[in-house]
Protein backbone atom coordinates (compact mmCIF):
# COMPACT_ATOMS: atom_id res chain seq x y z
CA MET A 1 155.25 70.80 121.93
CA ASN A 2 158.34 72.46 123.05
CA ALA A 3 158.76 72.04 126.60
CA SER A 4 160.86 75.00 126.99
CA ALA A 5 158.56 77.35 125.02
CA PRO A 6 156.37 79.94 127.16
CA ARG A 7 152.85 78.98 127.68
CA VAL A 8 150.49 81.74 126.44
CA MET A 9 146.82 81.82 126.94
CA VAL A 10 144.74 84.45 125.26
CA ILE A 11 141.06 84.83 126.39
CA GLY A 12 139.15 86.22 123.58
CA ALA A 13 139.52 85.81 119.93
CA GLY A 14 138.39 89.15 118.42
CA PRO A 15 140.89 91.34 116.73
CA ALA A 16 143.08 91.73 119.75
CA GLY A 17 143.03 87.89 120.55
CA LEU A 18 144.00 86.86 117.27
CA ALA A 19 146.73 89.42 116.84
CA ALA A 20 148.00 88.32 120.26
CA ALA A 21 147.94 84.62 119.55
CA ALA A 22 149.48 84.79 116.09
CA ALA A 23 152.42 87.02 117.36
CA ALA A 24 152.92 85.06 120.41
CA ALA A 25 152.87 81.58 118.41
CA ASP A 26 155.15 83.15 115.55
CA ALA A 27 157.64 83.84 118.19
CA GLY A 28 157.62 80.40 119.22
CA ALA A 29 155.55 80.32 122.31
CA ASP A 30 153.02 77.30 123.05
CA VAL A 31 149.52 79.21 122.60
CA VAL A 32 146.05 78.33 123.30
CA ILE A 33 142.91 80.59 122.62
CA VAL A 34 139.71 80.32 124.78
CA ASP A 35 136.57 81.93 123.21
CA GLU A 36 132.89 81.80 123.97
CA GLY A 37 131.96 82.23 120.18
CA GLU A 38 131.37 79.52 117.55
CA ARG A 39 134.03 80.85 115.52
CA VAL A 40 137.01 82.88 115.67
CA GLY A 41 136.71 86.71 114.79
CA GLY A 42 134.79 88.13 117.38
CA GLN A 43 132.15 91.10 116.86
CA PHE A 44 134.34 92.83 114.21
CA TRP A 45 134.71 89.43 112.24
CA ARG A 46 131.47 87.82 113.03
CA HIS A 47 130.43 85.62 110.11
CA HIS A 48 128.94 82.47 109.07
CA PRO A 49 130.45 80.17 106.26
CA THR A 50 127.48 80.53 103.91
CA LEU A 51 125.36 83.69 105.26
CA THR A 52 127.65 86.28 105.69
CA ASP A 53 127.75 88.95 102.90
CA GLN A 54 131.19 89.68 102.46
CA ARG A 55 130.79 93.47 102.02
CA LEU A 56 130.11 93.40 105.80
CA GLN A 57 133.61 91.92 106.31
CA HIS A 58 136.20 94.85 106.57
CA GLN A 59 139.70 93.88 106.63
CA ARG A 60 138.72 90.22 105.38
CA ARG A 61 142.59 89.69 104.04
CA ARG A 62 143.80 90.74 107.72
CA PHE A 63 141.51 88.35 109.18
CA THR A 64 142.48 85.62 106.97
CA ASP A 65 146.18 85.97 107.45
CA LEU A 66 145.86 85.71 111.18
CA ARG A 67 143.46 82.90 111.01
CA ASP A 68 146.16 81.02 108.94
CA ARG A 69 149.02 81.93 111.47
CA LEU A 70 146.94 80.10 113.99
CA ARG A 71 147.64 76.43 112.49
CA ASP A 72 149.88 75.27 115.49
CA VAL A 73 147.63 76.97 118.02
CA ARG A 74 145.00 75.24 120.00
CA VAL A 75 141.54 76.96 119.66
CA ILE A 76 138.92 76.35 121.98
CA SER A 77 135.59 77.65 120.90
CA SER A 78 132.17 77.67 122.28
CA ALA A 79 133.98 78.08 125.79
CA SER A 80 132.81 79.83 128.82
CA VAL A 81 135.79 80.96 131.22
CA TRP A 82 134.14 81.00 134.60
CA ARG A 83 137.00 81.45 136.84
CA VAL A 84 140.71 82.90 136.52
CA GLU A 85 143.38 82.74 139.10
CA ALA A 86 146.60 84.55 139.23
CA GLY A 87 149.66 82.84 139.43
CA PRO A 88 152.10 81.15 139.23
CA PRO A 89 150.80 79.33 137.28
CA LEU A 90 148.11 81.38 135.95
CA ARG A 91 144.74 79.55 135.51
CA ALA A 92 141.45 79.69 133.80
CA HIS A 93 138.67 77.28 134.56
CA VAL A 94 136.63 76.50 131.61
CA LEU A 95 133.31 75.04 130.69
CA ILE A 96 133.31 73.84 126.87
CA GLY A 97 129.99 73.44 125.02
CA PRO A 98 127.05 75.69 123.85
CA ALA A 99 126.20 78.00 126.95
CA ASP A 100 122.71 76.21 127.04
CA ALA A 101 124.10 72.62 126.64
CA ALA A 102 123.71 70.33 129.59
CA ASP A 103 126.68 68.31 129.09
CA ARG A 104 129.67 70.73 128.84
CA ARG A 105 132.97 69.65 129.48
CA ALA A 106 135.20 71.25 132.18
CA GLU A 107 138.72 72.00 131.64
CA THR A 108 141.45 74.05 133.88
CA ILE A 109 144.06 75.48 131.79
CA GLU A 110 147.53 76.53 133.19
CA ALA A 111 149.74 79.00 131.39
CA ASP A 112 153.00 81.46 132.25
CA ALA A 113 151.25 84.19 130.83
CA VAL A 114 147.52 85.34 130.00
CA ILE A 115 146.31 88.12 127.63
CA VAL A 116 143.06 89.27 128.47
CA ALA A 117 141.23 90.27 125.18
CA THR A 118 137.80 90.27 126.32
CA GLY A 119 136.57 93.09 124.21
CA ALA A 120 133.35 95.19 124.93
CA HIS A 121 129.75 95.19 124.62
CA ASP A 122 127.34 97.78 123.67
CA ARG A 123 125.75 100.44 126.07
CA VAL A 124 122.24 101.02 125.43
CA LEU A 125 120.43 103.67 127.40
CA PRO A 126 116.90 103.28 128.76
CA VAL A 127 114.21 104.77 126.74
CA PRO A 128 110.51 104.57 127.64
CA GLY A 129 109.42 101.67 125.42
CA TRP A 130 112.61 100.01 124.98
CA THR A 131 111.45 96.65 126.17
CA LEU A 132 109.22 96.28 123.32
CA PRO A 133 109.51 93.46 120.65
CA GLY A 134 111.70 95.23 117.75
CA VAL A 135 114.20 97.05 119.96
CA THR A 136 117.84 95.78 119.73
CA SER A 137 121.13 96.95 120.73
CA ALA A 138 123.13 98.41 117.53
CA GLY A 139 125.68 95.21 117.98
CA ALA A 140 122.73 92.78 118.00
CA ALA A 141 121.35 94.47 114.60
CA GLN A 142 124.77 94.09 113.08
CA ALA A 143 125.14 90.54 114.34
CA LEU A 144 121.94 89.48 112.78
CA ALA A 145 123.40 90.88 109.37
CA LYS A 146 126.80 89.63 109.71
CA ARG A 147 126.07 86.01 111.10
CA ASP A 148 122.39 85.53 109.88
CA GLY A 149 121.89 87.81 106.65
CA LEU A 150 119.17 89.41 108.33
CA ALA A 151 117.97 92.83 109.13
CA PRO A 152 115.81 93.47 112.39
CA GLY A 153 113.08 94.70 110.54
CA VAL A 154 111.29 96.11 107.55
CA ARG A 155 112.03 99.68 108.44
CA THR A 156 114.62 100.27 111.50
CA VAL A 157 115.77 103.63 113.20
CA VAL A 158 119.36 103.40 114.26
CA ALA A 159 120.01 105.78 117.09
CA GLY A 160 122.73 106.65 119.92
CA ALA A 161 126.14 108.06 119.84
CA GLY A 162 129.45 107.26 117.91
CA PRO A 163 130.93 106.16 114.62
CA PHE A 164 129.40 102.54 115.10
CA LEU A 165 126.03 103.69 113.96
CA LEU A 166 127.35 104.17 110.54
CA PRO A 167 128.36 100.40 109.91
CA VAL A 168 125.06 99.38 111.55
CA ALA A 169 122.95 101.49 109.22
CA GLN A 170 124.90 99.96 106.49
CA SER A 171 124.58 96.47 107.78
CA VAL A 172 120.75 96.92 107.77
CA ALA A 173 120.74 98.54 104.33
CA LEU A 174 122.81 95.54 102.69
CA MET A 175 120.26 93.09 104.13
CA GLY A 176 117.51 94.73 102.51
CA GLY A 177 116.03 96.75 105.26
CA GLN A 178 115.22 100.48 105.08
CA VAL A 179 116.99 102.88 107.53
CA ALA A 180 114.26 105.47 108.40
CA GLU A 181 116.77 107.78 110.00
CA VAL A 182 120.26 107.61 111.73
CA VAL A 183 119.87 109.83 115.04
CA GLU A 184 122.95 110.80 116.40
CA ALA A 185 123.10 112.73 119.72
CA THR A 186 126.38 114.74 119.02
CA SER A 187 125.88 118.16 117.54
CA THR A 188 127.44 119.23 114.38
CA GLY A 189 129.42 121.78 115.79
CA ARG A 190 130.90 119.25 118.54
CA MET A 191 131.58 116.91 115.88
CA LEU A 192 133.37 119.41 113.91
CA ARG A 193 135.31 120.71 116.72
CA GLY A 194 136.32 117.07 117.91
CA TRP A 195 137.11 115.26 114.80
CA GLY A 196 138.34 118.49 112.98
CA ALA A 197 140.96 119.47 115.30
CA ARG A 198 144.47 118.54 114.34
CA ALA A 199 142.93 116.80 111.24
CA TRP A 200 146.38 115.66 110.05
CA GLU A 201 146.81 113.25 113.05
CA LEU A 202 143.89 111.17 111.35
CA THR A 203 145.72 110.69 107.87
CA ALA A 204 147.74 107.79 109.06
CA ALA A 205 144.38 105.94 109.87
CA THR A 206 143.93 105.07 106.07
CA ALA A 207 141.82 101.96 106.71
CA LYS A 208 139.18 104.17 108.70
CA ALA A 209 138.93 106.41 105.89
CA GLY A 210 138.00 103.91 103.30
CA GLU A 211 135.44 102.50 105.75
CA LEU A 212 134.09 105.80 106.33
CA GLY A 213 133.98 106.14 102.56
CA SER A 214 131.80 103.02 102.04
CA TYR A 215 129.49 104.15 104.97
CA LEU A 216 128.83 107.49 103.12
CA VAL A 217 128.29 106.14 99.87
CA SER A 218 125.64 103.66 101.54
CA LEU A 219 123.85 106.41 103.09
CA ALA A 220 123.95 108.43 100.00
CA ARG A 221 122.65 105.58 97.87
CA HIS A 222 119.75 104.91 100.29
CA ARG A 223 119.20 108.57 100.80
CA THR A 224 119.19 107.84 104.60
CA PRO A 225 118.87 111.00 106.58
CA TYR A 226 121.31 111.67 109.22
CA ARG A 227 120.09 113.82 112.27
CA PHE A 228 122.59 115.14 114.69
CA GLY A 229 121.97 116.45 117.99
CA SER A 230 119.05 114.20 118.50
CA ALA A 231 117.95 111.25 120.38
CA VAL A 232 114.99 108.85 120.55
CA THR A 233 113.32 109.91 123.64
CA ARG A 234 110.46 107.47 123.29
CA ILE A 235 109.35 104.19 121.46
CA HIS A 236 106.06 103.74 120.80
CA GLY A 237 103.86 100.46 120.07
CA GLY A 238 101.42 97.82 121.38
CA ALA A 239 102.39 94.43 120.94
CA ALA A 240 105.51 95.65 119.00
CA VAL A 241 107.52 98.77 117.87
CA GLU A 242 105.37 100.98 115.72
CA ALA A 243 107.08 104.46 115.96
CA VAL A 244 109.70 106.34 117.76
CA THR A 245 109.80 110.04 119.07
CA VAL A 246 112.97 111.80 117.91
CA GLN A 247 113.71 115.01 119.93
CA ARG A 248 116.44 117.62 119.76
CA ILE A 249 118.85 117.49 122.83
CA ASP A 250 121.18 120.22 124.34
CA ALA A 251 124.94 119.61 124.80
CA ASP A 252 124.56 117.76 127.89
CA TRP A 253 121.42 115.72 126.41
CA HIS A 254 118.56 117.27 127.96
CA PRO A 255 115.47 116.88 125.52
CA ILE A 256 114.49 120.43 124.18
CA ALA A 257 110.63 121.01 124.74
CA GLY A 258 108.80 121.41 121.36
CA THR A 259 111.20 119.73 119.16
CA GLU A 260 109.33 116.21 119.02
CA ARG A 261 108.94 114.42 115.78
CA THR A 262 107.42 111.12 115.21
CA VAL A 263 108.97 108.54 113.13
CA GLU A 264 106.89 105.40 111.97
CA CYS A 265 109.16 102.06 111.89
CA ASP A 266 109.07 98.70 113.09
CA SER A 267 112.48 98.30 114.88
CA VAL A 268 115.09 100.47 116.64
CA ALA A 269 118.87 99.87 117.09
CA LEU A 270 120.02 101.50 120.01
CA GLY A 271 123.67 102.17 120.70
CA HIS A 272 125.40 104.69 123.00
CA GLY A 273 129.13 103.52 123.25
CA PHE A 274 130.62 100.50 124.61
CA THR A 275 131.32 99.17 128.11
CA PRO A 276 134.33 96.89 128.14
CA ARG A 277 134.21 93.53 129.49
CA LEU A 278 136.34 93.82 132.62
CA GLU A 279 135.23 90.71 134.69
CA ALA A 280 138.37 88.41 133.72
CA ALA A 281 140.69 91.30 134.61
CA ILE A 282 138.98 92.38 137.74
CA GLN A 283 139.11 88.57 138.89
CA PHE A 284 142.60 88.37 137.78
CA GLY A 285 143.40 91.56 140.38
CA CYS A 286 144.31 94.00 137.40
CA GLU A 287 144.24 97.42 138.40
CA ILE A 288 141.48 99.37 137.10
CA GLY A 289 141.85 103.07 136.07
CA ALA A 290 139.50 105.86 137.04
CA ASP A 291 138.22 105.71 133.53
CA ARG A 292 137.14 102.21 134.06
CA PHE A 293 139.64 100.52 131.64
CA VAL A 294 142.52 98.29 132.54
CA ARG A 295 145.56 99.86 133.24
CA VAL A 296 148.41 98.67 131.18
CA GLY A 297 152.08 99.66 130.43
CA ASP A 298 153.87 100.03 127.22
CA ASP A 299 154.02 96.21 126.64
CA GLN A 300 150.46 95.71 127.74
CA GLY A 301 151.28 94.36 130.73
CA THR A 302 148.73 94.89 133.67
CA SER A 303 149.57 95.21 137.53
CA VAL A 304 149.30 91.38 137.90
CA ALA A 305 152.41 89.57 136.87
CA GLY A 306 151.92 87.45 133.90
CA VAL A 307 148.96 89.17 132.75
CA TYR A 308 148.42 91.44 129.66
CA ALA A 309 145.37 93.17 128.40
CA ALA A 310 144.90 94.33 124.92
CA GLY A 311 141.83 95.92 123.01
CA GLU A 312 138.63 97.55 124.29
CA ILE A 313 139.23 96.81 127.73
CA THR A 314 142.14 98.97 127.72
CA GLY A 315 140.29 101.81 126.06
CA ILE A 316 137.78 101.98 123.02
CA GLY A 317 139.64 102.69 119.93
CA GLY A 318 138.44 100.22 117.27
CA ALA A 319 139.89 97.27 115.45
CA ASP A 320 142.99 98.72 114.34
CA ALA A 321 143.71 100.02 117.91
CA ALA A 322 143.20 96.42 119.03
CA LEU A 323 144.96 94.61 116.43
CA ALA A 324 148.01 96.59 117.56
CA GLU A 325 147.83 96.18 121.21
CA GLY A 326 147.34 92.64 120.70
CA GLU A 327 150.64 92.09 118.55
CA ILE A 328 152.30 94.07 121.41
CA ALA A 329 150.88 92.03 124.11
CA GLY A 330 151.63 88.47 122.13
CA LEU A 331 155.17 89.65 121.72
CA ALA A 332 155.58 90.49 125.22
CA ALA A 333 153.93 87.37 126.43
CA ALA A 334 156.01 85.27 124.28
CA GLY A 335 159.43 86.86 125.86
CA VAL A 336 160.43 88.72 122.72
CA PRO A 337 162.75 91.66 124.04
CA GLU A 338 161.51 95.28 122.98
CA THR A 339 164.88 95.71 120.97
CA ASP A 340 163.56 93.07 118.32
CA ARG A 341 162.47 94.74 115.19
CA ARG A 342 158.83 92.79 115.43
CA TRP A 343 157.91 95.47 117.91
CA ARG A 344 158.53 98.42 115.40
CA ALA A 345 155.47 98.19 113.25
CA PRO A 346 152.63 97.44 116.19
CA LEU A 347 154.16 100.09 118.39
CA ALA A 348 153.81 102.61 115.28
CA ALA A 349 150.20 101.44 114.59
CA ARG A 350 149.42 102.12 118.24
CA ARG A 351 150.60 105.60 118.26
CA ARG A 352 148.72 106.25 115.35
CA MET A 353 145.43 104.94 116.30
CA ARG A 354 145.58 106.60 119.73
CA ALA A 355 144.88 109.70 117.74
CA PHE A 356 141.65 108.31 116.20
CA ALA A 357 140.66 106.59 119.89
CA ALA A 358 140.77 110.24 121.49
CA ARG A 359 138.37 111.63 119.13
CA LEU A 360 135.65 109.17 120.52
CA ASP A 361 135.23 111.30 123.45
CA VAL A 362 133.19 113.76 121.29
CA HIS A 363 130.27 111.13 121.81
CA ARG A 364 130.46 110.74 125.36
CA ILE A 365 127.10 110.38 127.14
CA GLY A 366 125.76 113.63 128.61
CA ARG A 367 124.60 113.67 132.10
CA GLY A 368 120.97 114.84 131.36
CA TRP A 369 119.62 111.98 129.65
CA PRO A 370 118.00 110.48 132.41
CA THR A 371 115.36 113.59 132.08
CA TRP A 372 113.79 111.63 128.87
CA LEU A 373 112.79 108.52 131.54
CA GLU A 374 109.57 108.10 133.20
CA ASP A 375 108.81 106.67 136.43
CA ASP A 376 107.87 103.47 135.13
CA THR A 377 110.41 103.11 132.68
CA ILE A 378 112.35 99.76 133.31
CA ILE A 379 116.00 100.40 134.03
CA CYS A 380 117.24 96.72 135.04
CA ARG A 381 115.62 94.65 132.43
CA CYS A 382 116.92 91.22 134.24
CA GLU A 383 114.79 92.07 137.43
CA SER A 384 112.22 94.26 135.80
CA VAL A 385 113.09 97.13 138.22
CA PRO A 386 111.68 100.73 137.05
CA LYS A 387 113.14 104.02 137.67
CA ALA A 388 110.81 105.00 140.39
CA ARG A 389 112.02 101.89 142.30
CA ILE A 390 115.50 102.91 141.80
CA ASP A 391 114.83 106.47 142.98
CA GLU A 392 113.72 105.39 146.14
CA TYR A 393 117.41 104.43 147.04
CA SER A 394 119.18 107.56 146.12
CA SER A 395 120.79 108.18 149.34
CA ALA A 396 121.30 104.61 150.09
CA SER A 397 124.36 102.62 149.85
CA SER A 398 125.00 100.60 146.96
CA ARG A 399 124.51 97.19 148.53
CA ALA A 400 121.30 98.06 150.13
CA MET A 401 119.99 99.64 146.79
CA ARG A 402 120.90 96.32 144.99
CA LEU A 403 119.45 93.94 147.99
CA SER A 404 116.14 96.02 147.98
CA THR A 405 115.62 96.60 144.29
CA ARG A 406 117.72 93.61 142.78
CA ALA A 407 119.00 95.95 139.94
CA GLY A 408 122.31 94.58 138.83
CA LEU A 409 121.72 91.24 140.23
CA GLY A 410 120.10 89.50 137.56
CA ALA A 411 121.50 87.18 134.84
CA CYS A 412 123.75 89.98 133.30
CA GLN A 413 125.18 90.95 136.83
CA GLY A 414 124.69 94.68 136.00
CA ARG A 415 126.48 94.75 132.57
CA THR A 416 123.28 96.05 130.81
CA CYS A 417 122.12 98.33 133.49
CA GLY A 418 125.02 99.07 135.97
CA ARG A 419 126.10 102.53 134.38
CA SER A 420 122.56 103.48 133.70
CA VAL A 421 121.85 102.96 137.57
CA GLU A 422 124.51 105.37 138.50
CA ASP A 423 123.50 107.94 136.06
CA VAL A 424 119.83 107.83 137.34
CA LEU A 425 121.21 108.22 140.76
CA GLY A 426 124.14 110.56 139.99
CA THR A 427 126.30 108.50 142.23
CA ARG A 428 129.28 106.16 141.36
CA PHE A 429 128.22 102.78 142.75
CA ASP A 430 130.65 100.56 140.57
CA ILE A 431 127.56 98.28 140.08
CA ASP A 432 129.15 96.83 136.88
CA ARG A 433 132.48 95.79 138.34
CA ARG A 434 131.18 92.66 139.63
CA PRO A 435 133.52 89.95 138.99
CA VAL A 436 131.15 87.01 137.68
CA LEU A 437 132.60 85.87 134.44
CA SER A 438 129.89 83.46 133.34
CA SER A 439 126.76 81.33 134.48
CA VAL A 440 127.64 77.81 135.77
CA ARG A 441 124.84 75.23 136.84
CA ILE A 442 124.88 74.07 140.23
CA GLY A 443 125.25 70.64 138.81
CA GLU A 444 128.17 71.62 136.68
CA LEU A 445 130.16 72.75 139.82
CA ALA A 446 129.40 69.36 141.66
CA ALA A 447 130.64 67.61 138.85
CA LEU A 448 133.79 69.18 138.55
CA ALA A 449 136.80 66.95 139.13
CA ASP A 450 140.60 67.43 138.78
CA THR A 451 140.52 68.70 135.13
CA THR A 452 144.03 70.57 135.19
CA THR A 453 145.64 70.49 131.95
CA THR A 454 148.48 72.54 130.46
CA ILE A 455 148.67 73.84 127.23
CA THR A 456 149.68 71.91 124.23
CA GLY A 457 150.62 72.78 120.80
CA GLY A 458 148.22 71.90 118.14
CA ILE A 459 144.51 71.46 118.27
């Protein structure tokens, strides 16, 4: 351990976190990574040592390189960060061990700089029948394939909006499942206008072009129908999924009467984009923009001294953007001056990938989607709150609505239902901006003692 080296803590071990840790360590910083997963890699490089099909691991060489550069970095896996504090010094309070374990070990880590790279999670819009067994998020379907080598069912409908539907469909097919249809809410015309405009800006995203090609080949090989301008507006079944209703929708996502089709299936993977995991950034006190992403400067620095942010919490842009942002944040956190040549490549990569990220707005959720709901459709799954109950509080305050219905007060703390509740009511309550990082048992809190440590080099 170099006593004069800056102490850098990275929260999250996905592409952004790994790139940040590697860049900071290469620059001589004393680095520790804290991640809730069993293995580093995040959602993009989720894997199992023996079960993962290597065809699902895009940019595997990049992952291997980053992992190899972490030899002198302390990596704390299966760790829940339940509290953070702005500095100086910056602190993270961590419980180490499986989330359902009864004997997790507490530790408090202090650092000179923290890089928040907590990523994002799927946003899934409620649909009548979405609580049936056999319905998963798109991310969960891909995780089953990457980590466990399984398909979610025999015959799956993949539905929602955005390019993430493509790798999910490929994952299901590679695991031996049949993809009955891919149902994309964005219309063909909107896709062409959005992705086709200034097409030369996308030529630099060569890795994305290669990935897209592999997805299209998979769809063609399995003869998978791809329906644009449509949505799954109902899921049917008794004890489990049996079929879905696919319906055409207009530009604002209102279902078009008379266009209903029934598609038989035993599983549904829903994904309507992503929601950034802002809890750590909010608890640090970082400024959140009107677009609900962490505000950062050119060096990925936030409004809080010593706190940097990288990856999907600064804007949904994919793994390549996250890698570039992570590297920039790592260099900045380690104190590398911006005149250093090591800044050139990641700055150029970030600039290129922002052109790609800007196109994702084509797939934004339309305001009309709540019209496909019914009064008894569950909106808040944790507390089993139906739409009709939420509608009763359309003119109430956010606090009154939450206390009366308990929507957003369950185990997920509004991560799943928060923005859907707002859309149903047509009012922005910021219900998903609660700074609760993770669940902690009362016994664990009671047992906490003086567990403060500083970052040490090596594992």
